[in-house]
Amino acid sequence: MLTVRIKHLFLTAAITFVSLLSLSINAAEEEFTLLSIKGGLIGKIDSLGVFSDKDSVLNTYYSLLPQRLQKEIITLRRRLLIRIPDYEIAVNAGDSAEFSEITNEINLYWAAIRSIHIQHFTREVAELLGGIYSSEFPLSL
């Protein structure tokens, strides 16, 4: 009897979910996509306008990742931000050994971040996020 009730509840929930997905809003305003997921990849969020600040865009997309990846990418971004001043000092001092070490470390962090972007976001979103990093950091990532 319990199995039948669970199956009935599951079927009811599934039908409700599908019906909610099929609703369309016919408004005078132009329609936009809140979130698209293609082949398991997170797509562009149209509600994030051109005027959204960089941190808001990054935080919005990163909030869609599983909790473990959210923590990982926050840690990688923090480490990247911490090393940028050291990078600038090494460039200004002309210390090639220090510059090389810091550049290698920064490249590792960036490669890990880029890997997460590629694995979990569509190409369009990965390029958008990569562009934010490129404009934010003084070195070419």
N, C-alpha and C. Protein backbone atom coordinates (compact mmCIF):
# COMPACT_ATOMS: atom_id res chain seq x y z
N MET A 1 0.82 -1.19 0.00
CA MET A 1 0.00 0.00 0.00
C MET A 1 0.87 1.26 0.00
N LEU A 2 1.95 1.24 0.78
CA LEU A 2 2.86 2.38 0.85
C LEU A 2 3.53 2.62 -0.50
N THR A 3 3.91 1.55 -1.18
CA THR A 3 4.55 1.66 -2.49
C THR A 3 3.62 2.32 -3.49
N VAL A 4 2.34 1.96 -3.46
CA VAL A 4 1.37 2.56 -4.37
C VAL A 4 1.23 4.05 -4.10
N ARG A 5 1.17 4.44 -2.83
CA ARG A 5 1.06 5.86 -2.48
C ARG A 5 2.29 6.64 -2.94
N ILE A 6 3.48 6.07 -2.73
CA ILE A 6 4.71 6.74 -3.16
C ILE A 6 4.73 6.90 -4.67
N LYS A 7 4.33 5.85 -5.39
CA LYS A 7 4.28 5.94 -6.86
C LYS A 7 3.27 7.00 -7.29
N HIS A 8 2.11 7.03 -6.61
CA HIS A 8 1.09 8.02 -6.93
C HIS A 8 1.60 9.44 -6.67
N LEU A 9 2.27 9.64 -5.55
CA LEU A 9 2.84 10.96 -5.23
C LEU A 9 3.90 11.35 -6.25
N PHE A 10 4.74 10.40 -6.62
CA PHE A 10 5.79 10.68 -7.60
C PHE A 10 5.17 11.05 -8.94
N LEU A 11 4.14 10.29 -9.37
CA LEU A 11 3.47 10.56 -10.63
C LEU A 11 2.81 11.94 -10.60
N THR A 12 2.15 12.26 -9.49
CA THR A 12 1.52 13.56 -9.34
C THR A 12 2.56 14.68 -9.40
N ALA A 13 3.66 14.50 -8.72
CA ALA A 13 4.73 15.51 -8.74
C ALA A 13 5.30 15.66 -10.14
N ALA A 14 5.50 14.56 -10.83
CA ALA A 14 6.05 14.62 -12.19
C ALA A 14 5.10 15.34 -13.13
N ILE A 15 3.80 15.05 -13.03
CA ILE A 15 2.82 15.71 -13.89
C ILE A 15 2.77 17.20 -13.59
N THR A 16 2.80 17.55 -12.32
CA THR A 16 2.79 18.96 -11.93
C THR A 16 4.02 19.68 -12.47
N PHE A 17 5.18 19.05 -12.35
CA PHE A 17 6.42 19.64 -12.84
C PHE A 17 6.37 19.86 -14.34
N VAL A 18 5.92 18.86 -15.09
CA VAL A 18 5.85 18.97 -16.55
C VAL A 18 4.85 20.05 -16.94
N SER A 19 3.73 20.12 -16.24
CA SER A 19 2.74 21.14 -16.58
C SER A 19 3.28 22.55 -16.30
N LEU A 20 4.06 22.68 -15.24
CA LEU A 20 4.67 23.99 -14.97
C LEU A 20 5.68 24.37 -16.04
N LEU A 21 6.41 23.39 -16.52
CA LEU A 21 7.38 23.66 -17.58
C LEU A 21 6.71 24.08 -18.87
N SER A 22 5.52 23.54 -19.11
CA SER A 22 4.86 23.82 -20.38
C SER A 22 4.09 25.12 -20.38
N LEU A 23 3.97 25.76 -19.23
CA LEU A 23 3.26 27.04 -19.18
C LEU A 23 4.01 28.08 -19.98
N SER A 24 3.29 28.86 -20.70
CA SER A 24 3.94 29.97 -21.38
C SER A 24 3.21 31.25 -21.02
N ILE A 25 3.94 32.27 -20.89
CA ILE A 25 3.36 33.55 -20.52
C ILE A 25 3.29 34.41 -21.77
N ASN A 26 2.11 34.79 -22.10
CA ASN A 26 1.91 35.64 -23.27
C ASN A 26 1.76 37.07 -22.79
N ALA A 27 2.83 37.75 -22.77
CA ALA A 27 2.81 39.13 -22.31
C ALA A 27 3.20 40.05 -23.45
N ALA A 28 2.94 41.30 -23.27
CA ALA A 28 3.28 42.27 -24.29
C ALA A 28 4.79 42.47 -24.37
N GLU A 29 5.48 42.12 -23.29
CA GLU A 29 6.92 42.29 -23.27
C GLU A 29 7.60 41.17 -24.04
N GLU A 30 8.82 41.42 -24.45
CA GLU A 30 9.61 40.41 -25.14
C GLU A 30 9.96 39.30 -24.16
N GLU A 31 9.86 38.06 -24.63
CA GLU A 31 10.20 36.93 -23.77
C GLU A 31 11.71 36.81 -23.66
N PHE A 32 12.17 36.30 -22.54
CA PHE A 32 13.58 36.03 -22.37
C PHE A 32 13.75 34.76 -21.57
N THR A 33 14.88 34.14 -21.74
CA THR A 33 15.18 32.89 -21.07
C THR A 33 15.81 33.19 -19.72
N LEU A 34 15.25 32.61 -18.68
CA LEU A 34 15.84 32.79 -17.36
C LEU A 34 17.09 31.94 -17.23
N LEU A 35 17.01 30.70 -17.69
CA LEU A 35 18.14 29.78 -17.59
C LEU A 35 17.93 28.69 -18.61
N SER A 36 18.98 28.37 -19.34
CA SER A 36 18.89 27.24 -20.26
C SER A 36 19.98 26.24 -19.90
N ILE A 37 19.61 24.98 -20.00
CA ILE A 37 20.56 23.90 -19.74
C ILE A 37 20.60 23.03 -20.98
N LYS A 38 21.76 22.94 -21.60
CA LYS A 38 21.91 22.19 -22.84
C LYS A 38 22.88 21.05 -22.60
N GLY A 39 22.38 19.84 -22.73
CA GLY A 39 23.25 18.67 -22.56
C GLY A 39 23.93 18.64 -21.21
N GLY A 40 23.25 19.13 -20.18
CA GLY A 40 23.84 19.13 -18.85
C GLY A 40 24.71 20.35 -18.58
N LEU A 41 24.88 21.22 -19.57
CA LEU A 41 25.69 22.43 -19.39
C LEU A 41 24.77 23.61 -19.11
N ILE A 42 25.23 24.49 -18.25
CA ILE A 42 24.45 25.68 -17.89
C ILE A 42 24.65 26.72 -18.97
N GLY A 43 23.53 27.20 -19.52
CA GLY A 43 23.57 28.18 -20.60
C GLY A 43 23.43 29.60 -20.11
N LYS A 44 23.34 30.50 -21.07
CA LYS A 44 23.29 31.93 -20.78
C LYS A 44 22.01 32.30 -20.04
N ILE A 45 22.14 33.20 -19.10
CA ILE A 45 21.01 33.76 -18.37
C ILE A 45 20.75 35.13 -18.95
N ASP A 46 19.66 35.24 -19.71
CA ASP A 46 19.36 36.50 -20.39
C ASP A 46 18.99 37.63 -19.44
N SER A 47 18.51 37.28 -18.26
CA SER A 47 18.12 38.33 -17.32
C SER A 47 19.31 39.08 -16.75
N LEU A 48 20.52 38.54 -16.94
CA LEU A 48 21.72 39.27 -16.54
C LEU A 48 22.06 40.22 -17.68
N GLY A 49 21.78 41.45 -17.49
CA GLY A 49 21.98 42.43 -18.55
C GLY A 49 23.42 42.87 -18.69
N VAL A 50 23.62 43.68 -19.68
CA VAL A 50 24.94 44.25 -19.96
C VAL A 50 25.40 45.11 -18.79
N PHE A 51 24.45 45.62 -18.04
CA PHE A 51 24.78 46.54 -16.96
C PHE A 51 25.09 45.85 -15.64
N SER A 52 25.00 44.53 -15.61
CA SER A 52 25.34 43.80 -14.40
C SER A 52 26.84 43.90 -14.15
N ASP A 53 27.21 44.10 -12.89
CA ASP A 53 28.64 44.18 -12.60
C ASP A 53 29.26 42.79 -12.67
N LYS A 54 30.56 42.76 -12.85
CA LYS A 54 31.29 41.51 -13.08
C LYS A 54 31.11 40.51 -11.95
N ASP A 55 31.19 40.97 -10.72
CA ASP A 55 31.04 40.06 -9.58
C ASP A 55 29.64 39.45 -9.53
N SER A 56 28.64 40.24 -9.87
CA SER A 56 27.26 39.71 -9.89
C SER A 56 27.11 38.62 -10.94
N VAL A 57 27.70 38.85 -12.10
CA VAL A 57 27.61 37.85 -13.17
C VAL A 57 28.30 36.57 -12.73
N LEU A 58 29.53 36.69 -12.22
CA LEU A 58 30.26 35.50 -11.76
C LEU A 58 29.50 34.79 -10.65
N ASN A 59 29.05 35.53 -9.66
CA ASN A 59 28.35 34.92 -8.53
C ASN A 59 27.05 34.24 -8.95
N THR A 60 26.34 34.84 -9.89
CA THR A 60 25.08 34.26 -10.35
C THR A 60 25.33 32.92 -11.04
N TYR A 61 26.30 32.88 -11.94
CA TYR A 61 26.59 31.62 -12.62
C TYR A 61 27.17 30.59 -11.66
N TYR A 62 28.08 31.02 -10.80
CA TYR A 62 28.71 30.07 -9.87
C TYR A 62 27.69 29.51 -8.87
N SER A 63 26.65 30.27 -8.56
CA SER A 63 25.63 29.77 -7.62
C SER A 63 24.84 28.61 -8.21
N LEU A 64 24.92 28.43 -9.52
CA LEU A 64 24.21 27.33 -10.18
C LEU A 64 25.02 26.03 -10.17
N LEU A 65 26.26 26.11 -9.75
CA LEU A 65 27.12 24.92 -9.67
C LEU A 65 26.81 24.14 -8.39
N PRO A 66 27.16 22.87 -8.39
CA PRO A 66 27.03 22.10 -7.14
C PRO A 66 27.87 22.75 -6.04
N GLN A 67 27.45 22.57 -4.81
CA GLN A 67 28.09 23.21 -3.65
C GLN A 67 29.60 22.98 -3.61
N ARG A 68 30.05 21.77 -3.89
CA ARG A 68 31.47 21.44 -3.85
C ARG A 68 32.25 22.30 -4.85
N LEU A 69 31.69 22.46 -6.06
CA LEU A 69 32.37 23.26 -7.08
C LEU A 69 32.32 24.75 -6.74
N GLN A 70 31.23 25.18 -6.11
CA GLN A 70 31.16 26.58 -5.68
C GLN A 70 32.31 26.90 -4.74
N LYS A 71 32.53 26.02 -3.77
CA LYS A 71 33.62 26.24 -2.81
C LYS A 71 34.97 26.19 -3.50
N GLU A 72 35.13 25.24 -4.42
CA GLU A 72 36.40 25.10 -5.13
C GLU A 72 36.72 26.34 -5.96
N ILE A 73 35.73 26.82 -6.69
CA ILE A 73 36.00 27.97 -7.56
C ILE A 73 36.21 29.24 -6.74
N ILE A 74 35.55 29.37 -5.61
CA ILE A 74 35.78 30.51 -4.72
C ILE A 74 37.21 30.48 -4.19
N THR A 75 37.66 29.29 -3.80
CA THR A 75 39.04 29.13 -3.31
C THR A 75 40.05 29.46 -4.40
N LEU A 76 39.83 28.95 -5.60
CA LEU A 76 40.75 29.22 -6.72
C LEU A 76 40.79 30.70 -7.05
N ARG A 77 39.63 31.33 -7.08
CA ARG A 77 39.56 32.78 -7.38
C ARG A 77 40.28 33.58 -6.30
N ARG A 78 40.09 33.20 -5.04
CA ARG A 78 40.76 33.89 -3.93
C ARG A 78 42.28 33.76 -4.06
N ARG A 79 42.75 32.56 -4.36
CA ARG A 79 44.19 32.35 -4.52
C ARG A 79 44.74 33.15 -5.69
N LEU A 80 43.96 33.22 -6.75
CA LEU A 80 44.37 34.01 -7.91
C LEU A 80 44.48 35.48 -7.54
N LEU A 81 43.50 35.99 -6.83
CA LEU A 81 43.51 37.40 -6.41
C LEU A 81 44.68 37.71 -5.48
N ILE A 82 45.02 36.75 -4.62
CA ILE A 82 46.13 36.95 -3.68
C ILE A 82 47.47 37.04 -4.41
N ARG A 83 47.62 36.29 -5.49
CA ARG A 83 48.91 36.24 -6.20
C ARG A 83 49.12 37.41 -7.17
N ILE A 84 48.09 38.12 -7.54
CA ILE A 84 48.23 39.21 -8.50
C ILE A 84 49.19 40.30 -8.00
N PRO A 85 49.09 40.77 -6.76
CA PRO A 85 50.06 41.77 -6.30
C PRO A 85 51.51 41.25 -6.36
N ASP A 86 51.70 39.97 -6.04
CA ASP A 86 53.05 39.39 -6.12
C ASP A 86 53.54 39.38 -7.57
N TYR A 87 52.64 39.12 -8.48
CA TYR A 87 52.96 39.13 -9.91
C TYR A 87 53.43 40.53 -10.32
N GLU A 88 52.68 41.55 -9.91
CA GLU A 88 53.03 42.92 -10.27
C GLU A 88 54.37 43.33 -9.67
N ILE A 89 54.65 42.91 -8.45
CA ILE A 89 55.94 43.22 -7.82
C ILE A 89 57.07 42.55 -8.58
N ALA A 90 56.89 41.28 -8.95
CA ALA A 90 57.93 40.55 -9.68
C ALA A 90 58.19 41.18 -11.04
N VAL A 91 57.14 41.63 -11.71
CA VAL A 91 57.30 42.28 -13.02
C VAL A 91 58.09 43.58 -12.85
N ASN A 92 57.70 44.39 -11.87
CA ASN A 92 58.38 45.68 -11.65
C ASN A 92 59.81 45.51 -11.17
N ALA A 93 60.09 44.44 -10.42
CA ALA A 93 61.44 44.21 -9.91
C ALA A 93 62.34 43.55 -10.95
N GLY A 94 61.73 43.00 -11.98
CA GLY A 94 62.52 42.32 -13.00
C GLY A 94 63.09 41.00 -12.50
N ASP A 95 62.49 40.42 -11.50
CA ASP A 95 62.94 39.15 -10.93
C ASP A 95 62.36 38.00 -11.75
N SER A 96 63.15 37.49 -12.67
CA SER A 96 62.63 36.48 -13.60
C SER A 96 62.29 35.16 -12.92
N ALA A 97 63.05 34.78 -11.89
CA ALA A 97 62.76 33.53 -11.20
C ALA A 97 61.44 33.63 -10.44
N GLU A 98 61.27 34.72 -9.72
CA GLU A 98 60.02 34.94 -8.97
C GLU A 98 58.85 35.10 -9.94
N PHE A 99 59.09 35.84 -11.02
CA PHE A 99 58.05 36.04 -12.03
C PHE A 99 57.60 34.70 -12.61
N SER A 100 58.54 33.85 -12.93
CA SER A 100 58.23 32.54 -13.51
C SER A 100 57.44 31.68 -12.53
N GLU A 101 57.86 31.68 -11.27
CA GLU A 101 57.17 30.89 -10.25
C GLU A 101 55.72 31.37 -10.06
N ILE A 102 55.54 32.67 -9.95
CA ILE A 102 54.20 33.23 -9.74
C ILE A 102 53.32 33.01 -10.98
N THR A 103 53.90 33.20 -12.15
CA THR A 103 53.14 32.99 -13.39
C THR A 103 52.69 31.54 -13.51
N ASN A 104 53.55 30.61 -13.17
CA ASN A 104 53.16 29.19 -13.21
C ASN A 104 52.01 28.90 -12.24
N GLU A 105 52.11 29.46 -11.05
CA GLU A 105 51.05 29.25 -10.05
C GLU A 105 49.73 29.87 -10.52
N ILE A 106 49.78 31.08 -11.04
CA ILE A 106 48.58 31.75 -11.54
C ILE A 106 47.99 30.95 -12.70
N ASN A 107 48.84 30.44 -13.58
CA ASN A 107 48.35 29.65 -14.71
C ASN A 107 47.66 28.37 -14.25
N LEU A 108 48.16 27.76 -13.18
CA LEU A 108 47.50 26.57 -12.63
C LEU A 108 46.11 26.90 -12.09
N TYR A 109 46.00 27.99 -11.36
CA TYR A 109 44.69 28.40 -10.84
C TYR A 109 43.73 28.70 -11.99
N TRP A 110 44.23 29.44 -12.98
CA TRP A 110 43.38 29.80 -14.10
C TRP A 110 42.96 28.56 -14.89
N ALA A 111 43.86 27.62 -15.07
CA ALA A 111 43.53 26.38 -15.79
C ALA A 111 42.43 25.60 -15.05
N ALA A 112 42.50 25.56 -13.74
CA ALA A 112 41.48 24.86 -12.94
C ALA A 112 40.13 25.58 -13.06
N ILE A 113 40.14 26.90 -13.01
CA ILE A 113 38.90 27.67 -13.16
C ILE A 113 38.33 27.46 -14.55
N ARG A 114 39.17 27.56 -15.56
CA ARG A 114 38.72 27.38 -16.94
C ARG A 114 38.17 25.97 -17.17
N SER A 115 38.76 24.98 -16.53
CA SER A 115 38.29 23.61 -16.63
C SER A 115 36.86 23.48 -16.09
N ILE A 116 36.60 24.13 -14.97
CA ILE A 116 35.25 24.13 -14.40
C ILE A 116 34.29 24.81 -15.36
N HIS A 117 34.71 25.94 -15.92
CA HIS A 117 33.86 26.65 -16.88
C HIS A 117 33.50 25.74 -18.06
N ILE A 118 34.49 25.09 -18.63
CA ILE A 118 34.28 24.25 -19.81
C ILE A 118 33.41 23.03 -19.51
N GLN A 119 33.59 22.45 -18.34
CA GLN A 119 32.86 21.23 -17.98
C GLN A 119 31.41 21.50 -17.59
N HIS A 120 31.09 22.72 -17.12
CA HIS A 120 29.77 22.94 -16.55
C HIS A 120 28.95 24.03 -17.23
N PHE A 121 29.56 24.79 -18.13
CA PHE A 121 28.84 25.86 -18.80
C PHE A 121 28.95 25.69 -20.32
N THR A 122 27.97 26.25 -21.04
CA THR A 122 28.05 26.24 -22.50
C THR A 122 29.24 27.09 -22.94
N ARG A 123 29.61 26.94 -24.20
CA ARG A 123 30.76 27.70 -24.73
C ARG A 123 30.53 29.19 -24.56
N GLU A 124 29.33 29.64 -24.86
CA GLU A 124 29.00 31.07 -24.76
C GLU A 124 29.23 31.60 -23.33
N VAL A 125 28.77 30.84 -22.34
CA VAL A 125 28.93 31.27 -20.94
C VAL A 125 30.39 31.17 -20.52
N ALA A 126 31.07 30.09 -20.92
CA ALA A 126 32.49 29.93 -20.58
C ALA A 126 33.30 31.11 -21.14
N GLU A 127 32.98 31.53 -22.35
CA GLU A 127 33.68 32.68 -22.95
C GLU A 127 33.35 33.98 -22.21
N LEU A 128 32.10 34.12 -21.80
CA LEU A 128 31.69 35.30 -21.04
C LEU A 128 32.44 35.36 -19.71
N LEU A 129 32.48 34.26 -18.99
CA LEU A 129 33.19 34.22 -17.71
C LEU A 129 34.69 34.43 -17.90
N GLY A 130 35.25 33.80 -18.92
CA GLY A 130 36.68 33.99 -19.22
C GLY A 130 37.00 35.44 -19.55
N GLY A 131 36.08 36.09 -20.27
CA GLY A 131 36.27 37.51 -20.60
C GLY A 131 36.29 38.39 -19.37
N ILE A 132 35.47 38.02 -18.39
CA ILE A 132 35.46 38.79 -17.13
C ILE A 132 36.81 38.67 -16.44
N TYR A 133 37.34 37.45 -16.38
CA TYR A 133 38.66 37.26 -15.76
C TYR A 133 39.74 38.01 -16.54
N SER A 134 39.68 37.94 -17.85
CA SER A 134 40.70 38.61 -18.67
C SER A 134 40.69 40.12 -18.48
N SER A 135 39.49 40.68 -18.32
CA SER A 135 39.42 42.13 -18.12
C SER A 135 39.77 42.54 -16.69
N GLU A 136 39.64 41.60 -15.78
CA GLU A 136 39.86 41.91 -14.36
C GLU A 136 41.33 41.81 -13.95
N PHE A 137 42.07 40.93 -14.61
CA PHE A 137 43.44 40.68 -14.19
C PHE A 137 44.43 41.31 -15.16
N PRO A 138 45.53 41.85 -14.65
CA PRO A 138 46.48 42.60 -15.47
C PRO A 138 47.29 41.72 -16.42
N LEU A 139 47.27 40.43 -16.22
CA LEU A 139 48.04 39.57 -17.10
C LEU A 139 47.11 38.86 -18.07
N SER A 140 47.67 38.34 -19.10
CA SER A 140 46.86 37.66 -20.09
C SER A 140 46.61 36.24 -19.65
N LEU A 141 45.37 35.95 -19.29
CA LEU A 141 44.99 34.61 -18.85
C LEU A 141 44.56 33.77 -20.04
